């Protein structure tokens, strides 16, 4: 188990005030599970990534993997920016990565099961430049897993991938994590992916505001929610509150979310032909809904994350 214990981190700049990026962050990530770290830009996700991978010096608190410093454990990392030589083949990229660990790799030594899961068996002699973005990401994952890590950390690995490639990559990640008993920490802003993870750690302004299974975070919303888009929504919300026990939540200037209800129940109270109502939609609740309920703003509203000078 990866244990993050009371971590705080401050960036000190040559000019200007110091910036507190993390403030008393604590959570656990278990073996065999994918733990998603999500939050708006500027919430401290990238700082946590750098601390866990050793790119930043730990100022306060502790990081341990099964009671040991993660520096003594086998670590696999997938960075947001590509780390492949596009003019080399898939195998040549894996070969040169293995050299960094003192291994002279032969094709016959590659783990067959891993290549099968990643669907790279027939692509070992293909130039990386010839692969789709999704398969290039799979090569990145193969590199990270080549040294049989105990801890796998990924920073926004879905950047530049379309929905199908993203979902396929995540399915592979889930399979490998469970099969190898990895502790996988996934830093992402993709809420649809985070919802499928085993656990979600939600950041806001350098602190953890939620640490739970996705289903537990969304349990208060019920199986379905109804979203009404339109004008004069405060008046509409007051009318709904006076007529029923349905709880409403403002999720945007033009959108009102009704929790734990059905479209039929809502249409018994409001008239869909009302000119103030532009659209009514019934859907499953999302982590974005939870984040707005907790913080009062959408996940993408925050400014870009600060980095060390």
C-alpha atoms as a PDB file:
ATOM      1  CA  UNK A   1       0.000   0.000   0.000  1.00  0.00           C
ATOM      2  CA  UNK A   2       1.168   3.507  -0.846  1.00  0.00           C
ATOM      3  CA  UNK A   3       0.767   5.802   2.163  1.00  0.00           C
ATOM      4  CA  UNK A   4       0.786   9.576   1.766  1.00  0.00           C
ATOM      5  CA  UNK A   5       1.032  11.075   5.237  1.00  0.00           C
ATOM      6  CA  UNK A   6       0.509  14.787   5.984  1.00  0.00           C
ATOM      7  CA  UNK A   7       2.455  16.112   2.986  1.00  0.00           C
ATOM      8  CA  UNK A   8       2.867  19.854   2.553  1.00  0.00           C
ATOM      9  CA  UNK A   9       4.938  21.626  -0.081  1.00  0.00           C
ATOM     10  CA  UNK A  10       5.724  25.289  -0.706  1.00  0.00           C
ATOM     11  CA  UNK A  11       7.386  26.762  -3.781  1.00  0.00           C
ATOM     12  CA  UNK A  12       9.812  29.529  -2.841  1.00  0.00           C
ATOM     13  CA  UNK A  13      10.513  32.028  -5.602  1.00  0.00           C
ATOM     14  CA  UNK A  14      13.342  34.464  -6.029  1.00  0.00           C
ATOM     15  CA  UNK A  15      10.815  37.219  -6.576  1.00  0.00           C
ATOM     16  CA  UNK A  16       7.302  37.354  -5.213  1.00  0.00           C
ATOM     17  CA  UNK A  17       5.506  35.536  -2.441  1.00  0.00           C
ATOM     18  CA  UNK A  18       5.929  31.844  -1.709  1.00  0.00           C
ATOM     19  CA  UNK A  19       3.197  29.550  -3.043  1.00  0.00           C
ATOM     20  CA  UNK A  20       1.691  26.774  -0.940  1.00  0.00           C
ATOM     21  CA  UNK A  21       0.966  23.920  -3.371  1.00  0.00           C
ATOM     22  CA  UNK A  22       0.055  21.138  -0.901  1.00  0.00           C
ATOM     23  CA  UNK A  23      -1.224  21.503   2.637  1.00  0.00           C
ATOM     24  CA  UNK A  24      -1.470  18.449   4.912  1.00  0.00           C
ATOM     25  CA  UNK A  25      -2.330  15.893   2.205  1.00  0.00           C
ATOM     26  CA  UNK A  26      -2.961  12.327   3.415  1.00  0.00           C
ATOM     27  CA  UNK A  27      -4.426   9.258   1.683  1.00  0.00           C
ATOM     28  CA  UNK A  28      -3.692   5.601   0.874  1.00  0.00           C
ATOM     29  CA  UNK A  29      -3.565   3.721  -2.441  1.00  0.00           C
ATOM     30  CA  UNK A  30      -3.953  -0.063  -2.285  1.00  0.00           C
ATOM     31  CA  UNK A  31      -2.311  -2.906  -4.209  1.00  0.00           C
ATOM     32  CA  UNK A  32      -4.310  -4.160  -7.174  1.00  0.00           C
ATOM     33  CA  UNK A  33      -6.261  -0.927  -7.461  1.00  0.00           C
ATOM     34  CA  UNK A  34      -6.194   2.172  -9.660  1.00  0.00           C
ATOM     35  CA  UNK A  35      -6.440   5.276  -7.483  1.00  0.00           C
ATOM     36  CA  UNK A  36      -7.353   8.429  -9.388  1.00  0.00           C
ATOM     37  CA  UNK A  37      -6.055  11.810  -8.241  1.00  0.00           C
ATOM     38  CA  UNK A  38      -8.272  14.496  -9.739  1.00  0.00           C
ATOM     39  CA  UNK A  39      -8.784  18.208  -9.283  1.00  0.00           C
ATOM     40  CA  UNK A  40      -8.646  21.479 -11.206  1.00  0.00           C
ATOM     41  CA  UNK A  41      -5.410  22.933 -12.517  1.00  0.00           C
ATOM     42  CA  UNK A  42      -3.607  24.530  -9.609  1.00  0.00           C
ATOM     43  CA  UNK A  43      -4.945  22.066  -7.031  1.00  0.00           C
ATOM     44  CA  UNK A  44      -1.586  20.355  -6.399  1.00  0.00           C
ATOM     45  CA  UNK A  45      -1.866  17.178  -8.502  1.00  0.00           C
ATOM     46  CA  UNK A  46       1.373  17.741 -10.429  1.00  0.00           C
ATOM     47  CA  UNK A  47       3.242  18.628  -7.249  1.00  0.00           C
ATOM     48  CA  UNK A  48       2.106  15.345  -5.695  1.00  0.00           C
ATOM     49  CA  UNK A  49       3.255  13.476  -8.824  1.00  0.00           C
ATOM     50  CA  UNK A  50       6.724  15.017  -8.575  1.00  0.00           C
ATOM     51  CA  UNK A  51       7.002  14.194  -4.890  1.00  0.00           C
ATOM     52  CA  UNK A  52       5.926  10.563  -5.286  1.00  0.00           C
ATOM     53  CA  UNK A  53       8.318  10.019  -8.201  1.00  0.00           C
ATOM     54  CA  UNK A  54      11.201  11.754  -6.410  1.00  0.00           C
ATOM     55  CA  UNK A  55      11.451  14.692  -8.825  1.00  0.00           C
ATOM     56  CA  UNK A  56      10.865  17.056  -5.886  1.00  0.00           C
ATOM     57  CA  UNK A  57      12.412  16.961  -2.427  1.00  0.00           C
ATOM     58  CA  UNK A  58       9.934  16.168   0.338  1.00  0.00           C
ATOM     59  CA  UNK A  59       9.616  19.156   2.681  1.00  0.00           C
ATOM     60  CA  UNK A  60       7.064  17.840   5.173  1.00  0.00           C
ATOM     61  CA  UNK A  61       5.261  14.573   5.805  1.00  0.00           C
ATOM     62  CA  UNK A  62       6.003  11.086   4.587  1.00  0.00           C
ATOM     63  CA  UNK A  63       5.592   8.805   1.575  1.00  0.00           C
ATOM     64  CA  UNK A  64       5.892   5.048   2.074  1.00  0.00           C
ATOM     65  CA  UNK A  65       5.199   1.940   0.034  1.00  0.00           C
ATOM     66  CA  UNK A  66       4.509  -1.012   2.333  1.00  0.00           C
ATOM     67  CA  UNK A  67       6.349   0.764   5.122  1.00  0.00           C
ATOM     68  CA  UNK A  68       9.416   1.600   3.039  1.00  0.00           C
ATOM     69  CA  UNK A  69      10.506   4.767   1.254  1.00  0.00           C
ATOM     70  CA  UNK A  70       9.323   4.478  -2.391  1.00  0.00           C
ATOM     71  CA  UNK A  71      12.880   5.263  -3.520  1.00  0.00           C
ATOM     72  CA  UNK A  72      13.840   1.726  -2.516  1.00  0.00           C
ATOM     73  CA  UNK A  73      10.926   0.214  -4.460  1.00  0.00           C
ATOM     74  CA  UNK A  74      10.662  -0.529  -8.175  1.00  0.00           C
ATOM     75  CA  UNK A  75       8.896   2.456  -9.705  1.00  0.00           C
ATOM     76  CA  UNK A  76       7.209   2.732 -13.108  1.00  0.00           C
ATOM     77  CA  UNK A  77       6.317   6.168 -14.466  1.00  0.00           C
ATOM     78  CA  UNK A  78       4.290   7.345 -17.466  1.00  0.00           C
ATOM     79  CA  UNK A  79       4.739  11.064 -18.055  1.00  0.00           C
ATOM     80  CA  UNK A  80       2.270  13.447 -19.652  1.00  0.00           C
ATOM     81  CA  UNK A  81       4.800  14.432 -22.321  1.00  0.00           C
ATOM     82  CA  UNK A  82       5.844  11.640 -24.730  1.00  0.00           C
ATOM     83  CA  UNK A  83       9.118   9.929 -23.792  1.00  0.00           C
ATOM     84  CA  UNK A  84       9.644   7.810 -26.900  1.00  0.00           C
ATOM     85  CA  UNK A  85      12.080   8.117 -29.798  1.00  0.00           C
ATOM     86  CA  UNK A  86       9.626   8.242 -32.688  1.00  0.00           C
ATOM     87  CA  UNK A  87      12.261   7.230 -35.255  1.00  0.00           C
ATOM     88  CA  UNK A  88      13.093   3.989 -33.457  1.00  0.00           C
ATOM     89  CA  UNK A  89      10.995   0.841 -33.490  1.00  0.00           C
ATOM     90  CA  UNK A  90       8.870  -0.271 -30.559  1.00  0.00           C
ATOM     91  CA  UNK A  91      11.461  -2.897 -29.578  1.00  0.00           C
ATOM     92  CA  UNK A  92      14.358  -0.452 -29.922  1.00  0.00           C
ATOM     93  CA  UNK A  93      12.616   1.921 -27.503  1.00  0.00           C
ATOM     94  CA  UNK A  94      12.129  -0.910 -25.027  1.00  0.00           C
ATOM     95  CA  UNK A  95      15.713  -2.096 -25.533  1.00  0.00           C
ATOM     96  CA  UNK A  96      17.261   1.295 -24.786  1.00  0.00           C
ATOM     97  CA  UNK A  97      14.990   1.771 -21.765  1.00  0.00           C
ATOM     98  CA  UNK A  98      16.167  -1.594 -20.386  1.00  0.00           C
ATOM     99  CA  UNK A  99      19.795  -0.494 -20.798  1.00  0.00           C
ATOM    100  CA  UNK A 100      19.158   2.205 -18.193  1.00  0.00           C
ATOM    101  CA  UNK A 101      18.605  -0.634 -15.718  1.00  0.00           C
ATOM    102  CA  UNK A 102      21.658  -2.607 -16.801  1.00  0.00           C
ATOM    103  CA  UNK A 103      19.734  -5.087 -18.935  1.00  0.00           C
ATOM    104  CA  UNK A 104      20.533  -6.101 -22.521  1.00  0.00           C
ATOM    105  CA  UNK A 105      17.069  -7.066 -23.645  1.00  0.00           C
ATOM    106  CA  UNK A 106      16.263  -9.624 -26.335  1.00  0.00           C
ATOM    107  CA  UNK A 107      12.864  -9.985 -27.973  1.00  0.00           C
ATOM    108  CA  UNK A 108      12.512 -13.483 -26.530  1.00  0.00           C
ATOM    109  CA  UNK A 109      12.856 -11.993 -23.021  1.00  0.00           C
ATOM    110  CA  UNK A 110       9.877  -9.680 -23.422  1.00  0.00           C
ATOM    111  CA  UNK A 111       6.934 -10.764 -21.252  1.00  0.00           C
ATOM    112  CA  UNK A 112       4.553 -12.419 -23.738  1.00  0.00           C
ATOM    113  CA  UNK A 113       1.468 -11.871 -21.609  1.00  0.00           C
ATOM    114  CA  UNK A 114       2.181  -8.141 -21.327  1.00  0.00           C
ATOM    115  CA  UNK A 115       2.675  -7.801 -25.083  1.00  0.00           C
ATOM    116  CA  UNK A 116      -0.582  -9.692 -25.660  1.00  0.00           C
ATOM    117  CA  UNK A 117      -2.536  -7.440 -23.299  1.00  0.00           C
ATOM    118  CA  UNK A 118      -1.046  -4.309 -24.862  1.00  0.00           C
ATOM    119  CA  UNK A 119      -1.511  -5.749 -28.388  1.00  0.00           C
ATOM    120  CA  UNK A 120       2.111  -4.945 -29.240  1.00  0.00           C
ATOM    121  CA  UNK A 121       3.275  -8.409 -30.353  1.00  0.00           C
ATOM    122  CA  UNK A 122       2.853  -7.646 -34.030  1.00  0.00           C
ATOM    123  CA  UNK A 123       4.206  -4.115 -33.735  1.00  0.00           C
ATOM    124  CA  UNK A 124       7.654  -4.632 -32.210  1.00  0.00           C
ATOM    125  CA  UNK A 125       9.386  -3.844 -35.510  1.00  0.00           C
ATOM    126  CA  UNK A 126       7.169  -0.868 -36.347  1.00  0.00           C
ATOM    127  CA  UNK A 127       8.533   2.626 -35.989  1.00  0.00           C
ATOM    128  CA  UNK A 128       6.845   4.484 -33.151  1.00  0.00           C
ATOM    129  CA  UNK A 129       6.104   7.302 -35.606  1.00  0.00           C
ATOM    130  CA  UNK A 130       3.872   4.907 -37.557  1.00  0.00           C
ATOM    131  CA  UNK A 131       1.686   4.071 -34.563  1.00  0.00           C
ATOM    132  CA  UNK A 132      -1.514   5.810 -33.502  1.00  0.00           C
ATOM    133  CA  UNK A 133      -1.462   7.980 -30.393  1.00  0.00           C
ATOM    134  CA  UNK A 134      -3.214   5.253 -28.436  1.00  0.00           C
ATOM    135  CA  UNK A 135      -0.618   2.620 -29.307  1.00  0.00           C
ATOM    136  CA  UNK A 136       2.239   5.033 -28.609  1.00  0.00           C
ATOM    137  CA  UNK A 137       0.788   5.371 -25.120  1.00  0.00           C
ATOM    138  CA  UNK A 138       0.759   1.573 -24.843  1.00  0.00           C
ATOM    139  CA  UNK A 139       4.473   1.539 -25.648  1.00  0.00           C
ATOM    140  CA  UNK A 140       4.979   4.093 -22.855  1.00  0.00           C
ATOM    141  CA  UNK A 141       3.127   1.760 -20.502  1.00  0.00           C
ATOM    142  CA  UNK A 142       5.192  -1.223 -21.683  1.00  0.00           C
ATOM    143  CA  UNK A 143       8.369   0.723 -20.849  1.00  0.00           C
ATOM    144  CA  UNK A 144       7.078   1.541 -17.387  1.00  0.00           C
ATOM    145  CA  UNK A 145       6.145  -2.100 -16.730  1.00  0.00           C
ATOM    146  CA  UNK A 146       9.309  -3.597 -18.195  1.00  0.00           C
ATOM    147  CA  UNK A 147      11.147  -3.459 -14.856  1.00  0.00           C
ATOM    148  CA  UNK A 148       8.209  -5.107 -13.021  1.00  0.00           C
ATOM    149  CA  UNK A 149       7.440  -2.110 -10.788  1.00  0.00           C
ATOM    150  CA  UNK A 150       5.623  -2.311  -7.484  1.00  0.00           C
ATOM    151  CA  UNK A 151       4.327   1.250  -7.853  1.00  0.00           C
ATOM    152  CA  UNK A 152       3.037   2.681 -11.152  1.00  0.00           C
ATOM    153  CA  UNK A 153       2.440   6.440 -11.394  1.00  0.00           C
ATOM    154  CA  UNK A 154       0.862   8.077 -14.449  1.00  0.00           C
ATOM    155  CA  UNK A 155       0.538  11.816 -15.097  1.00  0.00           C
ATOM    156  CA  UNK A 156      -2.308  12.715 -17.491  1.00  0.00           C
ATOM    157  CA  UNK A 157      -1.609   9.705 -19.761  1.00  0.00           C
ATOM    158  CA  UNK A 158      -4.710  10.348 -21.904  1.00  0.00           C
ATOM    159  CA  UNK A 159      -3.490  13.668 -23.320  1.00  0.00           C
ATOM    160  CA  UNK A 160      -4.135  13.782 -27.069  1.00  0.00           C
ATOM    161  CA  UNK A 161      -6.124  10.525 -27.176  1.00  0.00           C
ATOM    162  CA  UNK A 162      -9.624  10.244 -28.590  1.00  0.00           C
ATOM    163  CA  UNK A 163     -12.380   8.653 -26.518  1.00  0.00           C
ATOM    164  CA  UNK A 164     -11.936   5.149 -27.949  1.00  0.00           C
ATOM    165  CA  UNK A 165      -8.146   5.163 -27.489  1.00  0.00           C
ATOM    166  CA  UNK A 166      -8.506   6.564 -23.981  1.00  0.00           C
ATOM    167  CA  UNK A 167     -11.013   3.907 -22.931  1.00  0.00           C
ATOM    168  CA  UNK A 168      -8.923   1.117 -24.462  1.00  0.00           C
ATOM    169  CA  UNK A 169      -5.783   2.345 -22.701  1.00  0.00           C
ATOM    170  CA  UNK A 170      -7.578   2.571 -19.369  1.00  0.00           C
ATOM    171  CA  UNK A 171      -9.003  -0.953 -19.740  1.00  0.00           C
ATOM    172  CA  UNK A 172      -5.467  -2.261 -20.285  1.00  0.00           C
ATOM    173  CA  UNK A 173      -4.260  -0.296 -17.264  1.00  0.00           C
ATOM    174  CA  UNK A 174      -6.986  -1.777 -15.073  1.00  0.00           C
ATOM    175  CA  UNK A 175      -6.204  -5.304 -16.253  1.00  0.00           C
ATOM    176  CA  UNK A 176      -2.455  -5.000 -15.674  1.00  0.00           C
ATOM    177  CA  UNK A 177      -2.950  -3.385 -12.260  1.00  0.00           C
ATOM    178  CA  UNK A 178      -5.205  -6.179 -11.037  1.00  0.00           C
ATOM    179  CA  UNK A 179      -3.187  -9.006 -12.624  1.00  0.00           C
ATOM    180  CA  UNK A 180       0.153  -7.812 -11.232  1.00  0.00           C
ATOM    181  CA  UNK A 181      -1.138  -6.503  -7.907  1.00  0.00           C
ATOM    182  CA  UNK A 182       0.288  -3.067  -8.704  1.00  0.00           C
ATOM    183  CA  UNK A 183      -0.305   0.056  -6.695  1.00  0.00           C
ATOM    184  CA  UNK A 184      -1.357   2.418  -9.490  1.00  0.00           C
ATOM    185  CA  UNK A 185      -1.675   6.167  -8.963  1.00  0.00           C
ATOM    186  CA  UNK A 186      -3.384   7.916 -11.882  1.00  0.00           C
ATOM    187  CA  UNK A 187      -3.210  11.715 -12.021  1.00  0.00           C
ATOM    188  CA  UNK A 188      -5.920  12.825 -14.430  1.00  0.00           C
ATOM    189  CA  UNK A 189      -8.552  15.421 -15.213  1.00  0.00           C
ATOM    190  CA  UNK A 190     -10.656  12.897 -17.163  1.00  0.00           C
ATOM    191  CA  UNK A 191     -13.683  12.515 -14.906  1.00  0.00           C
ATOM    192  CA  UNK A 192     -15.257   9.751 -16.969  1.00  0.00           C
ATOM    193  CA  UNK A 193     -12.100   7.675 -16.424  1.00  0.00           C
ATOM    194  CA  UNK A 194     -11.848   8.590 -12.734  1.00  0.00           C
ATOM    195  CA  UNK A 195     -15.401   7.318 -12.225  1.00  0.00           C
ATOM    196  CA  UNK A 196     -14.221   3.858 -13.342  1.00  0.00           C
ATOM    197  CA  UNK A 197     -11.261   3.805 -10.934  1.00  0.00           C
ATOM    198  CA  UNK A 198     -11.293   1.861  -7.681  1.00  0.00           C
ATOM    199  CA  UNK A 199     -10.843   4.988  -5.574  1.00  0.00           C
ATOM    200  CA  UNK A 200     -10.908   8.738  -6.172  1.00  0.00           C
ATOM    201  CA  UNK A 201      -8.833  11.321  -4.284  1.00  0.00           C
ATOM    202  CA  UNK A 202     -10.215  14.776  -5.014  1.00  0.00           C
ATOM    203  CA  UNK A 203      -7.944  17.817  -4.647  1.00  0.00           C
ATOM    204  CA  UNK A 204      -8.928  21.450  -4.193  1.00  0.00           C
ATOM    205  CA  UNK A 205      -6.417  24.231  -3.477  1.00  0.00           C
ATOM    206  CA  UNK A 206      -3.726  21.859  -2.214  1.00  0.00           C
ATOM    207  CA  UNK A 207      -5.914  19.821   0.128  1.00  0.00           C
ATOM    208  CA  UNK A 208      -7.837  16.545  -0.140  1.00  0.00           C
ATOM    209  CA  UNK A 209     -11.568  17.219   0.017  1.00  0.00           C
ATOM    210  CA  UNK A 210     -12.696  13.656  -0.758  1.00  0.00           C
ATOM    211  CA  UNK A 211     -11.149  10.189  -0.666  1.00  0.00           C
ATOM    212  CA  UNK A 212     -13.637   7.451  -1.478  1.00  0.00           C
ATOM    213  CA  UNK A 213     -14.951   4.889  -3.920  1.00  0.00           C
ATOM    214  CA  UNK A 214     -16.674   6.689  -6.835  1.00  0.00           C
ATOM    215  CA  UNK A 215     -20.003   5.061  -6.037  1.00  0.00           C
ATOM    216  CA  UNK A 216     -19.857   6.309  -2.450  1.00  0.00           C
ATOM    217  CA  UNK A 217     -19.124   9.871  -3.579  1.00  0.00           C
ATOM    218  CA  UNK A 218     -22.167   9.842  -5.857  1.00  0.00           C
ATOM    219  CA  UNK A 219     -24.563   7.976  -3.575  1.00  0.00           C
ATOM    220  CA  UNK A 220     -26.218  11.198  -2.368  1.00  0.00           C
ATOM    221  CA  UNK A 221     -27.317  12.003  -5.928  1.00  0.00           C
ATOM    222  CA  UNK A 222     -29.311   8.804  -6.418  1.00  0.00           C
ATOM    223  CA  UNK A 223     -29.374   6.677  -9.551  1.00  0.00           C
ATOM    224  CA  UNK A 224     -30.467   9.519 -11.812  1.00  0.00           C
ATOM    225  CA  UNK A 225     -30.375  13.306 -11.876  1.00  0.00           C
ATOM    226  CA  UNK A 226     -32.308  15.769 -14.024  1.00  0.00           C
ATOM    227  CA  UNK A 227     -30.643  18.841 -15.511  1.00  0.00           C
ATOM    228  CA  UNK A 228     -32.722  21.837 -16.579  1.00  0.00           C
ATOM    229  CA  UNK A 229     -31.121  24.509 -18.758  1.00  0.00           C
ATOM    230  CA  UNK A 230     -32.762  27.839 -19.253  1.00  0.00           C
ATOM    231  CA  UNK A 231     -33.431  31.263 -17.758  1.00  0.00           C
ATOM    232  CA  UNK A 232     -34.727  32.536 -14.398  1.00  0.00           C
ATOM    233  CA  UNK A 233     -33.652  29.299 -12.751  1.00  0.00           C
ATOM    234  CA  UNK A 234     -33.742  30.713  -9.214  1.00  0.00           C
ATOM    235  CA  UNK A 235     -37.501  31.183  -9.539  1.00  0.00           C
ATOM    236  CA  UNK A 236     -37.833  27.686 -10.954  1.00  0.00           C
ATOM    237  CA  UNK A 237     -35.734  26.187  -8.130  1.00  0.00           C
ATOM    238  CA  UNK A 238     -37.898  27.933  -5.529  1.00  0.00           C
ATOM    239  CA  UNK A 239     -41.033  26.557  -7.170  1.00  0.00           C
ATOM    240  CA  UNK A 240     -39.644  23.011  -7.181  1.00  0.00           C
ATOM    241  CA  UNK A 241     -38.606  23.290  -3.518  1.00  0.00           C
ATOM    242  CA  UNK A 242     -42.055  24.528  -2.528  1.00  0.00           C
ATOM    243  CA  UNK A 243     -43.805  21.725  -4.404  1.00  0.00           C
ATOM    244  CA  UNK A 244     -41.623  18.718  -3.476  1.00  0.00           C
ATOM    245  CA  UNK A 245     -38.652  17.446  -1.485  1.00  0.00           C
ATOM    246  CA  UNK A 246     -36.440  17.419  -4.592  1.00  0.00           C
ATOM    247  CA  UNK A 247     -33.058  19.054  -3.889  1.00  0.00           C
ATOM    248  CA  UNK A 248     -31.702  21.367  -6.590  1.00  0.00           C
ATOM    249  CA  UNK A 249     -28.118  22.421  -7.263  1.00  0.00           C
ATOM    250  CA  UNK A 250     -26.915  25.231  -9.533  1.00  0.00           C
ATOM    251  CA  UNK A 251     -24.147  23.745 -11.705  1.00  0.00           C
ATOM    252  CA  UNK A 252     -23.810  26.606 -14.208  1.00  0.00           C
ATOM    253  CA  UNK A 253     -25.305  30.021 -14.922  1.00  0.00           C
ATOM    254  CA  UNK A 254     -27.886  28.397 -17.172  1.00  0.00           C
ATOM    255  CA  UNK A 255     -28.149  24.929 -15.605  1.00  0.00           C
ATOM    256  CA  UNK A 256     -29.972  23.540 -12.587  1.00  0.00           C
ATOM    257  CA  UNK A 257     -29.385  19.965 -11.399  1.00  0.00           C
ATOM    258  CA  UNK A 258     -32.107  18.107  -9.497  1.00  0.00           C
ATOM    259  CA  UNK A 259     -30.789  15.321  -7.271  1.00  0.00           C
ATOM    260  CA  UNK A 260     -32.220  11.876  -6.620  1.00  0.00           C
ATOM    261  CA  UNK A 261     -35.238  12.170  -8.872  1.00  0.00           C
ATOM    262  CA  UNK A 262     -36.663  11.099 -12.238  1.00  0.00           C
ATOM    263  CA  UNK A 263     -37.741  12.945 -15.336  1.00  0.00           C
ATOM    264  CA  UNK A 264     -41.351  11.904 -14.698  1.00  0.00           C
ATOM    265  CA  UNK A 265     -41.315  13.398 -11.186  1.00  0.00           C
ATOM    266  CA  UNK A 266     -39.875  16.674 -12.464  1.00  0.00           C
ATOM    267  CA  UNK A 267     -42.402  16.973 -15.303  1.00  0.00           C
ATOM    268  CA  UNK A 268     -45.186  16.732 -12.753  1.00  0.00           C
ATOM    269  CA  UNK A 269     -43.937  20.013 -11.264  1.00  0.00           C
ATOM    270  CA  UNK A 270     -42.533  22.003 -14.192  1.00  0.00           C
ATOM    271  CA  UNK A 271     -43.965  22.570 -17.650  1.00  0.00           C
ATOM    272  CA  UNK A 272     -41.443  21.662 -20.332  1.00  0.00           C
ATOM    273  CA  UNK A 273     -43.256  24.114 -22.639  1.00  0.00           C
ATOM    274  CA  UNK A 274     -42.311  27.006 -20.340  1.00  0.00           C
ATOM    275  CA  UNK A 275     -40.394  29.504 -22.515  1.00  0.00           C
ATOM    276  CA  UNK A 276     -37.785  29.909 -19.771  1.00  0.00           C
ATOM    277  CA  UNK A 277     -36.827  26.232 -20.093  1.00  0.00           C
ATOM    278  CA  UNK A 278     -34.485  25.514 -23.000  1.00  0.00           C
ATOM    279  CA  UNK A 279     -33.710  21.861 -22.321  1.00  0.00           C
ATOM    280  CA  UNK A 280     -34.424  19.063 -19.823  1.00  0.00           C
ATOM    281  CA  UNK A 281     -32.095  16.070 -19.576  1.00  0.00           C
ATOM    282  CA  UNK A 282     -32.133  12.948 -17.387  1.00  0.00           C
ATOM    283  CA  UNK A 283     -28.722  11.271 -16.839  1.00  0.00           C
ATOM    284  CA  UNK A 284     -26.532   9.514 -14.319  1.00  0.00           C
ATOM    285  CA  UNK A 285     -24.682  11.712 -11.798  1.00  0.00           C
ATOM    286  CA  UNK A 286     -21.005  12.453 -12.440  1.00  0.00           C
ATOM    287  CA  UNK A 287     -17.949  13.387 -10.396  1.00  0.00           C
ATOM    288  CA  UNK A 288     -18.252  16.878 -11.890  1.00  0.00           C
ATOM    289  CA  UNK A 289     -21.645  17.138 -10.144  1.00  0.00           C
ATOM    290  CA  UNK A 290     -20.032  16.086  -6.873  1.00  0.00           C
ATOM    291  CA  UNK A 291     -17.182  18.553  -7.282  1.00  0.00           C
ATOM    292  CA  UNK A 292     -19.566  21.444  -7.935  1.00  0.00           C
ATOM    293  CA  UNK A 293     -21.678  20.459  -4.927  1.00  0.00           C
ATOM    294  CA  UNK A 294     -18.566  20.468  -2.733  1.00  0.00           C
ATOM    295  CA  UNK A 295     -16.779  23.557  -4.053  1.00  0.00           C
ATOM    296  CA  UNK A 296     -19.354  25.705  -5.823  1.00  0.00           C
ATOM    297  CA  UNK A 297     -17.452  25.752  -9.118  1.00  0.00           C
ATOM    298  CA  UNK A 298     -16.689  23.442 -12.021  1.00  0.00           C
ATOM    299  CA  UNK A 299     -13.518  21.403 -12.176  1.00  0.00           C
ATOM    300  CA  UNK A 300     -12.073  23.319 -15.137  1.00  0.00           C
ATOM    301  CA  UNK A 301     -12.594  26.800 -13.661  1.00  0.00           C
ATOM    302  CA  UNK A 302      -9.279  27.123 -11.816  1.00  0.00           C
ATOM    303  CA  UNK A 303      -6.150  28.740 -13.243  1.00  0.00           C
ATOM    304  CA  UNK A 304      -3.085  26.841 -14.456  1.00  0.00           C
ATOM    305  CA  UNK A 305      -1.013  25.017 -11.874  1.00  0.00           C
ATOM    306  CA  UNK A 306       2.079  26.804 -10.593  1.00  0.00           C
ATOM    307  CA  UNK A 307       5.500  25.267 -11.029  1.00  0.00           C
ATOM    308  CA  UNK A 308       8.783  25.830  -9.246  1.00  0.00           C
ATOM    309  CA  UNK A 309      10.921  28.630 -10.577  1.00  0.00           C
END
